[in-house]
């Protein structure tokens, strides 16, 4: 290799070194302007899966099981379950032929979650049969 060629090596390296920040800046700029990567649908949350299970119990006419699942979710702060638990409580005798157990505190909390007015718990008395 000639000495003239060896003299150009530092010049070439210097020029390449000066181009590196420009190339890096361009790649960062193009990365920022690139469309976002398609979002991957997230797996359903635990509450969503439990709510789906409660709805499935309801659809299969396993009402006591569904009510139990709805109230567990409602007590944990799940608004859609609170709305359904409240509905089942309010329409228990007329739709399901039975009353559902609940406390006044639960009814108040569910109504708040569902954005409804809280019903008043009314005591029921059952005649004693022998």
N, C-alpha and C. Protein backbone atom coordinates (compact mmCIF):
# COMPACT_ATOMS: atom_id res chain seq x y z
N UNK A 1 0.86 -1.15 0.00
CA UNK A 1 0.00 0.00 0.00
C UNK A 1 0.91 1.22 0.00
N UNK A 2 0.56 2.21 -0.76
CA UNK A 2 1.41 3.40 -0.86
C UNK A 2 1.20 4.30 0.34
N UNK A 3 2.16 5.13 0.62
CA UNK A 3 2.06 6.06 1.74
C UNK A 3 1.00 7.11 1.49
N UNK A 4 0.69 7.40 0.25
CA UNK A 4 -0.36 8.37 -0.07
C UNK A 4 -1.71 7.82 0.38
N UNK A 5 -1.92 6.54 0.14
CA UNK A 5 -3.18 5.91 0.54
C UNK A 5 -3.30 5.87 2.06
N UNK A 6 -2.19 5.63 2.74
CA UNK A 6 -2.22 5.60 4.20
C UNK A 6 -2.55 6.97 4.78
N UNK A 7 -2.19 8.03 4.08
CA UNK A 7 -2.48 9.39 4.56
C UNK A 7 -3.99 9.68 4.51
N UNK A 8 -4.70 9.01 3.59
CA UNK A 8 -6.13 9.28 3.45
C UNK A 8 -6.99 8.53 4.48
N UNK A 9 -6.43 7.52 5.11
CA UNK A 9 -7.20 6.73 6.08
C UNK A 9 -7.69 7.61 7.23
N UNK A 10 -6.86 8.45 7.87
CA UNK A 10 -7.40 9.30 8.93
C UNK A 10 -8.47 10.27 8.43
N UNK A 11 -8.31 10.76 7.22
CA UNK A 11 -9.30 11.69 6.66
C UNK A 11 -10.63 10.97 6.46
N UNK A 12 -10.57 9.76 5.93
CA UNK A 12 -11.80 8.97 5.71
C UNK A 12 -12.46 8.65 7.04
N UNK A 13 -11.68 8.24 8.02
CA UNK A 13 -12.24 7.95 9.34
C UNK A 13 -12.85 9.19 9.97
N UNK A 14 -12.21 10.33 9.80
CA UNK A 14 -12.74 11.58 10.33
C UNK A 14 -14.08 11.91 9.69
N UNK A 15 -14.16 11.77 8.37
CA UNK A 15 -15.41 12.06 7.67
C UNK A 15 -16.52 11.10 8.09
N UNK A 16 -16.17 9.83 8.21
CA UNK A 16 -17.18 8.86 8.67
C UNK A 16 -17.62 9.16 10.10
N UNK A 17 -16.69 9.56 10.94
CA UNK A 17 -17.01 9.91 12.32
C UNK A 17 -17.92 11.11 12.41
N UNK A 18 -17.75 12.05 11.48
CA UNK A 18 -18.62 13.23 11.47
C UNK A 18 -20.02 12.89 10.98
N UNK A 19 -20.15 11.86 10.16
CA UNK A 19 -21.45 11.47 9.62
C UNK A 19 -22.27 10.63 10.60
N UNK A 20 -21.63 10.00 11.54
CA UNK A 20 -22.34 9.11 12.47
C UNK A 20 -23.44 9.82 13.26
N UNK A 21 -23.18 11.02 13.87
CA UNK A 21 -24.26 11.69 14.60
C UNK A 21 -25.43 12.07 13.71
N UNK A 22 -25.15 12.46 12.46
CA UNK A 22 -26.22 12.82 11.53
C UNK A 22 -27.07 11.58 11.22
N UNK A 23 -26.43 10.46 10.96
CA UNK A 23 -27.15 9.22 10.66
C UNK A 23 -27.98 8.77 11.85
N UNK A 24 -27.42 8.90 13.05
CA UNK A 24 -28.15 8.52 14.25
C UNK A 24 -29.37 9.41 14.46
N UNK A 25 -29.20 10.71 14.24
CA UNK A 25 -30.32 11.64 14.40
C UNK A 25 -31.42 11.34 13.40
N UNK A 26 -31.05 10.99 12.17
CA UNK A 26 -32.05 10.66 11.17
C UNK A 26 -32.81 9.38 11.53
N UNK A 27 -32.11 8.39 12.07
CA UNK A 27 -32.80 7.16 12.44
C UNK A 27 -33.75 7.38 13.61
N UNK A 28 -33.36 8.23 14.57
CA UNK A 28 -34.25 8.55 15.69
C UNK A 28 -35.47 9.30 15.20
N UNK A 29 -35.25 10.26 14.28
CA UNK A 29 -36.35 11.05 13.74
C UNK A 29 -37.32 10.15 12.97
N UNK A 30 -36.80 9.23 12.16
CA UNK A 30 -37.69 8.34 11.41
C UNK A 30 -38.43 7.38 12.34
N UNK A 31 -37.78 6.98 13.42
CA UNK A 31 -38.45 6.09 14.38
C UNK A 31 -39.59 6.82 15.08
N UNK A 32 -39.40 8.10 15.36
CA UNK A 32 -40.46 8.87 16.02
C UNK A 32 -41.63 9.12 15.09
N UNK A 33 -41.36 9.29 13.80
CA UNK A 33 -42.43 9.58 12.86
C UNK A 33 -43.08 8.33 12.29
N UNK A 34 -42.52 7.18 12.59
CA UNK A 34 -43.08 5.92 12.09
C UNK A 34 -44.42 5.67 12.77
N UNK A 35 -45.34 5.04 12.05
CA UNK A 35 -46.63 4.74 12.69
C UNK A 35 -46.42 3.78 13.86
N UNK A 36 -47.27 3.90 14.87
CA UNK A 36 -47.11 3.02 16.03
C UNK A 36 -47.33 1.57 15.64
N UNK A 37 -46.68 0.71 16.36
CA UNK A 37 -46.85 -0.72 16.12
C UNK A 37 -48.28 -1.10 16.47
N UNK A 38 -48.85 -2.04 15.73
CA UNK A 38 -50.22 -2.44 16.04
C UNK A 38 -50.29 -2.97 17.46
N UNK A 39 -51.34 -2.54 18.15
CA UNK A 39 -51.48 -2.97 19.55
C UNK A 39 -51.98 -4.40 19.59
N UNK A 40 -51.44 -5.13 20.50
CA UNK A 40 -51.85 -6.51 20.71
C UNK A 40 -52.95 -6.48 21.74
N UNK A 41 -54.10 -7.08 21.45
CA UNK A 41 -55.16 -7.06 22.44
C UNK A 41 -54.69 -7.73 23.73
N UNK A 42 -54.96 -7.05 24.82
CA UNK A 42 -54.52 -7.59 26.11
C UNK A 42 -55.47 -8.70 26.55
N UNK A 43 -54.96 -9.55 27.35
CA UNK A 43 -55.78 -10.63 27.89
C UNK A 43 -56.82 -10.03 28.82
N UNK A 44 -58.00 -10.62 28.88
CA UNK A 44 -59.02 -10.08 29.78
C UNK A 44 -58.52 -10.10 31.23
N UNK A 45 -58.93 -9.09 31.96
CA UNK A 45 -58.53 -9.03 33.36
C UNK A 45 -59.24 -10.13 34.14
N UNK A 46 -58.78 -10.36 35.34
CA UNK A 46 -59.39 -11.38 36.20
C UNK A 46 -60.85 -11.03 36.44
N UNK A 47 -61.13 -9.76 36.72
CA UNK A 47 -62.52 -9.35 36.98
C UNK A 47 -63.40 -9.59 35.75
N UNK A 48 -62.87 -9.32 34.56
CA UNK A 48 -63.65 -9.55 33.34
C UNK A 48 -63.95 -11.04 33.15
N UNK A 49 -62.97 -11.88 33.44
CA UNK A 49 -63.20 -13.33 33.31
C UNK A 49 -64.22 -13.81 34.34
N UNK A 50 -64.10 -13.32 35.58
CA UNK A 50 -65.06 -13.72 36.61
C UNK A 50 -66.46 -13.22 36.28
N UNK A 51 -66.55 -12.03 35.71
CA UNK A 51 -67.85 -11.48 35.32
C UNK A 51 -68.44 -12.33 34.19
N UNK A 52 -67.61 -12.73 33.25
CA UNK A 52 -68.08 -13.60 32.16
C UNK A 52 -68.58 -14.93 32.72
N UNK A 53 -67.91 -15.46 33.72
CA UNK A 53 -68.36 -16.71 34.36
C UNK A 53 -69.71 -16.51 35.05
N UNK A 54 -69.89 -15.37 35.71
CA UNK A 54 -71.16 -15.08 36.37
C UNK A 54 -72.28 -14.95 35.34
N UNK A 55 -71.99 -14.29 34.23
CA UNK A 55 -73.00 -14.16 33.17
C UNK A 55 -73.36 -15.52 32.59
N UNK A 56 -72.37 -16.38 32.43
CA UNK A 56 -72.63 -17.72 31.91
C UNK A 56 -73.51 -18.51 32.88
N UNK A 57 -73.26 -18.38 34.17
CA UNK A 57 -74.12 -19.03 35.17
C UNK A 57 -75.55 -18.52 35.05
N UNK A 58 -75.70 -17.22 34.86
CA UNK A 58 -77.03 -16.61 34.71
C UNK A 58 -77.71 -17.15 33.46
N UNK A 59 -76.99 -17.20 32.35
CA UNK A 59 -77.57 -17.69 31.09
C UNK A 59 -78.01 -19.15 31.19
N UNK A 60 -77.32 -19.92 32.01
CA UNK A 60 -77.65 -21.33 32.18
C UNK A 60 -78.68 -21.54 33.29
N UNK A 61 -79.29 -20.45 33.75
CA UNK A 61 -80.34 -20.48 34.77
C UNK A 61 -79.85 -21.02 36.10
N UNK A 62 -78.58 -20.89 36.37
CA UNK A 62 -78.04 -21.24 37.69
C UNK A 62 -77.99 -19.94 38.49
N UNK A 63 -79.18 -19.48 38.87
CA UNK A 63 -79.32 -18.14 39.45
C UNK A 63 -78.65 -17.97 40.80
N UNK A 64 -78.78 -18.91 41.74
CA UNK A 64 -78.07 -18.71 43.01
C UNK A 64 -76.55 -18.61 42.81
N UNK A 65 -76.02 -19.44 41.92
CA UNK A 65 -74.58 -19.38 41.62
C UNK A 65 -74.22 -18.04 40.99
N UNK A 66 -75.03 -17.59 40.04
CA UNK A 66 -74.77 -16.31 39.38
C UNK A 66 -74.83 -15.17 40.38
N UNK A 67 -75.84 -15.18 41.25
CA UNK A 67 -75.96 -14.11 42.24
C UNK A 67 -74.74 -14.09 43.16
N UNK A 68 -74.31 -15.26 43.60
CA UNK A 68 -73.13 -15.33 44.45
C UNK A 68 -71.90 -14.76 43.76
N UNK A 69 -71.76 -15.06 42.48
CA UNK A 69 -70.61 -14.54 41.73
C UNK A 69 -70.73 -13.03 41.53
N UNK A 70 -71.94 -12.56 41.22
CA UNK A 70 -72.12 -11.12 41.03
C UNK A 70 -71.84 -10.35 42.32
N UNK A 71 -72.33 -10.86 43.46
CA UNK A 71 -72.13 -10.10 44.69
C UNK A 71 -70.66 -10.10 45.10
N UNK A 72 -69.94 -11.18 44.83
CA UNK A 72 -68.51 -11.20 45.15
C UNK A 72 -67.77 -10.14 44.34
N UNK A 73 -68.09 -10.04 43.06
CA UNK A 73 -67.47 -9.01 42.22
C UNK A 73 -67.92 -7.62 42.63
N UNK A 74 -69.22 -7.48 42.92
CA UNK A 74 -69.74 -6.17 43.32
C UNK A 74 -69.10 -5.70 44.61
N UNK A 75 -68.93 -6.61 45.56
CA UNK A 75 -68.29 -6.24 46.83
C UNK A 75 -66.83 -5.85 46.62
N UNK A 76 -66.23 -6.33 45.52
CA UNK A 76 -64.84 -5.97 45.19
C UNK A 76 -64.77 -4.68 44.38
N UNK A 77 -65.95 -4.08 44.06
CA UNK A 77 -65.96 -2.79 43.37
C UNK A 77 -66.19 -2.87 41.87
N UNK A 78 -66.65 -3.99 41.36
CA UNK A 78 -66.91 -4.15 39.92
C UNK A 78 -68.31 -3.62 39.61
N UNK A 79 -68.38 -2.48 38.92
CA UNK A 79 -69.65 -1.79 38.69
C UNK A 79 -70.66 -2.60 37.88
N UNK A 80 -70.29 -3.24 36.75
CA UNK A 80 -71.30 -4.01 36.02
C UNK A 80 -71.91 -5.14 36.86
N UNK A 81 -71.08 -5.79 37.66
CA UNK A 81 -71.60 -6.86 38.53
C UNK A 81 -72.49 -6.27 39.61
N UNK A 82 -72.14 -5.10 40.11
CA UNK A 82 -72.96 -4.45 41.13
C UNK A 82 -74.35 -4.14 40.58
N UNK A 83 -74.39 -3.69 39.35
CA UNK A 83 -75.68 -3.37 38.73
C UNK A 83 -76.55 -4.62 38.59
N UNK A 84 -75.94 -5.73 38.18
CA UNK A 84 -76.71 -6.96 38.03
C UNK A 84 -77.10 -7.57 39.37
N UNK A 85 -76.22 -7.49 40.35
CA UNK A 85 -76.55 -8.00 41.69
C UNK A 85 -77.71 -7.20 42.27
N UNK A 86 -77.67 -5.89 42.09
CA UNK A 86 -78.75 -5.03 42.58
C UNK A 86 -80.06 -5.35 41.87
N UNK A 87 -79.99 -5.56 40.56
CA UNK A 87 -81.19 -5.90 39.80
C UNK A 87 -81.76 -7.23 40.28
N UNK A 88 -80.90 -8.22 40.47
CA UNK A 88 -81.38 -9.52 40.94
C UNK A 88 -82.00 -9.40 42.33
N UNK A 89 -81.40 -8.58 43.19
CA UNK A 89 -81.95 -8.39 44.53
C UNK A 89 -83.34 -7.74 44.45
N UNK A 90 -83.44 -6.69 43.65
CA UNK A 90 -84.70 -5.95 43.57
C UNK A 90 -85.83 -6.76 42.93
N UNK A 91 -85.50 -7.63 41.99
CA UNK A 91 -86.52 -8.39 41.27
C UNK A 91 -86.55 -9.86 41.67
N UNK A 92 -85.94 -10.18 42.78
CA UNK A 92 -85.86 -11.57 43.22
C UNK A 92 -87.19 -12.28 43.27
N UNK A 93 -88.15 -11.80 44.07
CA UNK A 93 -89.42 -12.54 44.20
C UNK A 93 -90.21 -12.60 42.89
N UNK A 94 -90.25 -11.50 42.14
CA UNK A 94 -91.09 -11.48 40.94
C UNK A 94 -90.47 -12.24 39.76
N UNK A 95 -89.15 -12.24 39.64
CA UNK A 95 -88.51 -12.90 38.49
C UNK A 95 -88.01 -14.30 38.84
N UNK A 96 -87.41 -14.43 40.01
CA UNK A 96 -86.76 -15.69 40.37
C UNK A 96 -87.56 -16.52 41.38
N UNK A 97 -88.65 -15.93 41.90
CA UNK A 97 -89.47 -16.64 42.87
C UNK A 97 -88.82 -16.80 44.23
N UNK A 98 -87.84 -15.96 44.52
CA UNK A 98 -87.17 -16.02 45.82
C UNK A 98 -86.51 -14.68 46.10
N UNK A 99 -86.25 -14.47 47.38
CA UNK A 99 -85.52 -13.27 47.79
C UNK A 99 -84.04 -13.62 47.89
N UNK A 100 -83.20 -12.67 47.55
CA UNK A 100 -81.75 -12.86 47.65
C UNK A 100 -81.24 -12.17 48.91
N UNK A 101 -80.30 -12.79 49.56
CA UNK A 101 -79.72 -12.23 50.79
C UNK A 101 -78.79 -11.08 50.45
N UNK A 102 -78.84 -10.07 51.31
CA UNK A 102 -77.96 -8.91 51.16
C UNK A 102 -78.03 -8.10 52.44
N UNK A 103 -77.05 -7.25 52.64
CA UNK A 103 -77.09 -6.32 53.77
C UNK A 103 -77.35 -4.92 53.22
N UNK A 104 -77.77 -4.03 54.09
CA UNK A 104 -78.02 -2.66 53.67
C UNK A 104 -76.72 -2.01 53.17
N UNK A 105 -75.61 -2.35 53.80
CA UNK A 105 -74.32 -1.79 53.37
C UNK A 105 -73.99 -2.23 51.95
N UNK A 106 -74.26 -3.51 51.65
CA UNK A 106 -74.01 -3.99 50.29
C UNK A 106 -74.90 -3.28 49.29
N UNK A 107 -76.19 -3.17 49.61
CA UNK A 107 -77.11 -2.51 48.68
C UNK A 107 -76.69 -1.08 48.41
N UNK A 108 -76.28 -0.38 49.45
CA UNK A 108 -75.84 1.02 49.29
C UNK A 108 -74.59 1.10 48.42
N UNK A 109 -73.64 0.22 48.67
CA UNK A 109 -72.39 0.23 47.88
C UNK A 109 -72.67 -0.14 46.43
N UNK A 110 -73.51 -1.14 46.19
CA UNK A 110 -73.81 -1.55 44.82
C UNK A 110 -74.53 -0.43 44.08
N UNK A 111 -75.48 0.21 44.75
CA UNK A 111 -76.23 1.30 44.12
C UNK A 111 -75.28 2.44 43.76
N UNK A 112 -74.35 2.74 44.63
CA UNK A 112 -73.38 3.80 44.34
C UNK A 112 -72.54 3.44 43.12
N UNK A 113 -72.07 2.18 43.06
CA UNK A 113 -71.29 1.73 41.91
C UNK A 113 -72.11 1.78 40.62
N UNK A 114 -73.39 1.43 40.72
CA UNK A 114 -74.26 1.38 39.55
C UNK A 114 -74.85 2.73 39.20
N UNK A 115 -74.62 3.74 40.04
CA UNK A 115 -75.16 5.07 39.78
C UNK A 115 -76.66 5.14 39.98
N UNK A 116 -77.17 4.38 40.94
CA UNK A 116 -78.60 4.34 41.24
C UNK A 116 -78.82 4.74 42.69
N UNK A 117 -80.09 5.01 43.00
CA UNK A 117 -80.40 5.29 44.40
C UNK A 117 -80.46 3.97 45.16
N UNK A 118 -80.03 4.03 46.39
CA UNK A 118 -79.94 2.81 47.20
C UNK A 118 -81.32 2.40 47.70
N UNK A 119 -81.71 1.14 47.50
CA UNK A 119 -82.97 0.67 48.05
C UNK A 119 -82.83 0.45 49.55
N UNK A 120 -83.94 0.47 50.22
CA UNK A 120 -83.93 0.22 51.66
C UNK A 120 -84.23 -1.25 51.89
N UNK A 121 -83.41 -1.85 52.70
CA UNK A 121 -83.59 -3.25 53.04
C UNK A 121 -84.83 -3.37 53.93
N UNK A 122 -85.74 -4.24 53.54
CA UNK A 122 -86.96 -4.45 54.30
C UNK A 122 -86.89 -5.84 54.91
N UNK A 123 -87.15 -5.90 56.19
CA UNK A 123 -87.11 -7.19 56.87
C UNK A 123 -88.29 -8.04 56.43
N UNK A 124 -88.05 -9.29 56.26
CA UNK A 124 -89.11 -10.22 55.89
C UNK A 124 -89.38 -11.14 57.07
N UNK A 125 -90.65 -11.42 57.25
CA UNK A 125 -91.00 -12.38 58.30
C UNK A 125 -91.67 -13.57 57.62
N UNK A 126 -91.30 -14.72 58.07
CA UNK A 126 -91.83 -15.94 57.49
C UNK A 126 -92.70 -16.62 58.53
N UNK A 127 -93.86 -17.06 58.06
CA UNK A 127 -94.74 -17.75 59.00
C UNK A 127 -94.14 -19.12 59.30
N UNK A 128 -94.35 -19.51 60.51
CA UNK A 128 -93.79 -20.77 60.97
C UNK A 128 -94.81 -21.87 60.72
N UNK A 129 -94.35 -22.90 60.05
CA UNK A 129 -95.25 -24.03 59.80
C UNK A 129 -94.75 -25.24 60.57
N UNK A 130 -95.69 -26.04 61.03
CA UNK A 130 -95.33 -27.22 61.80
C UNK A 130 -95.81 -28.44 61.09
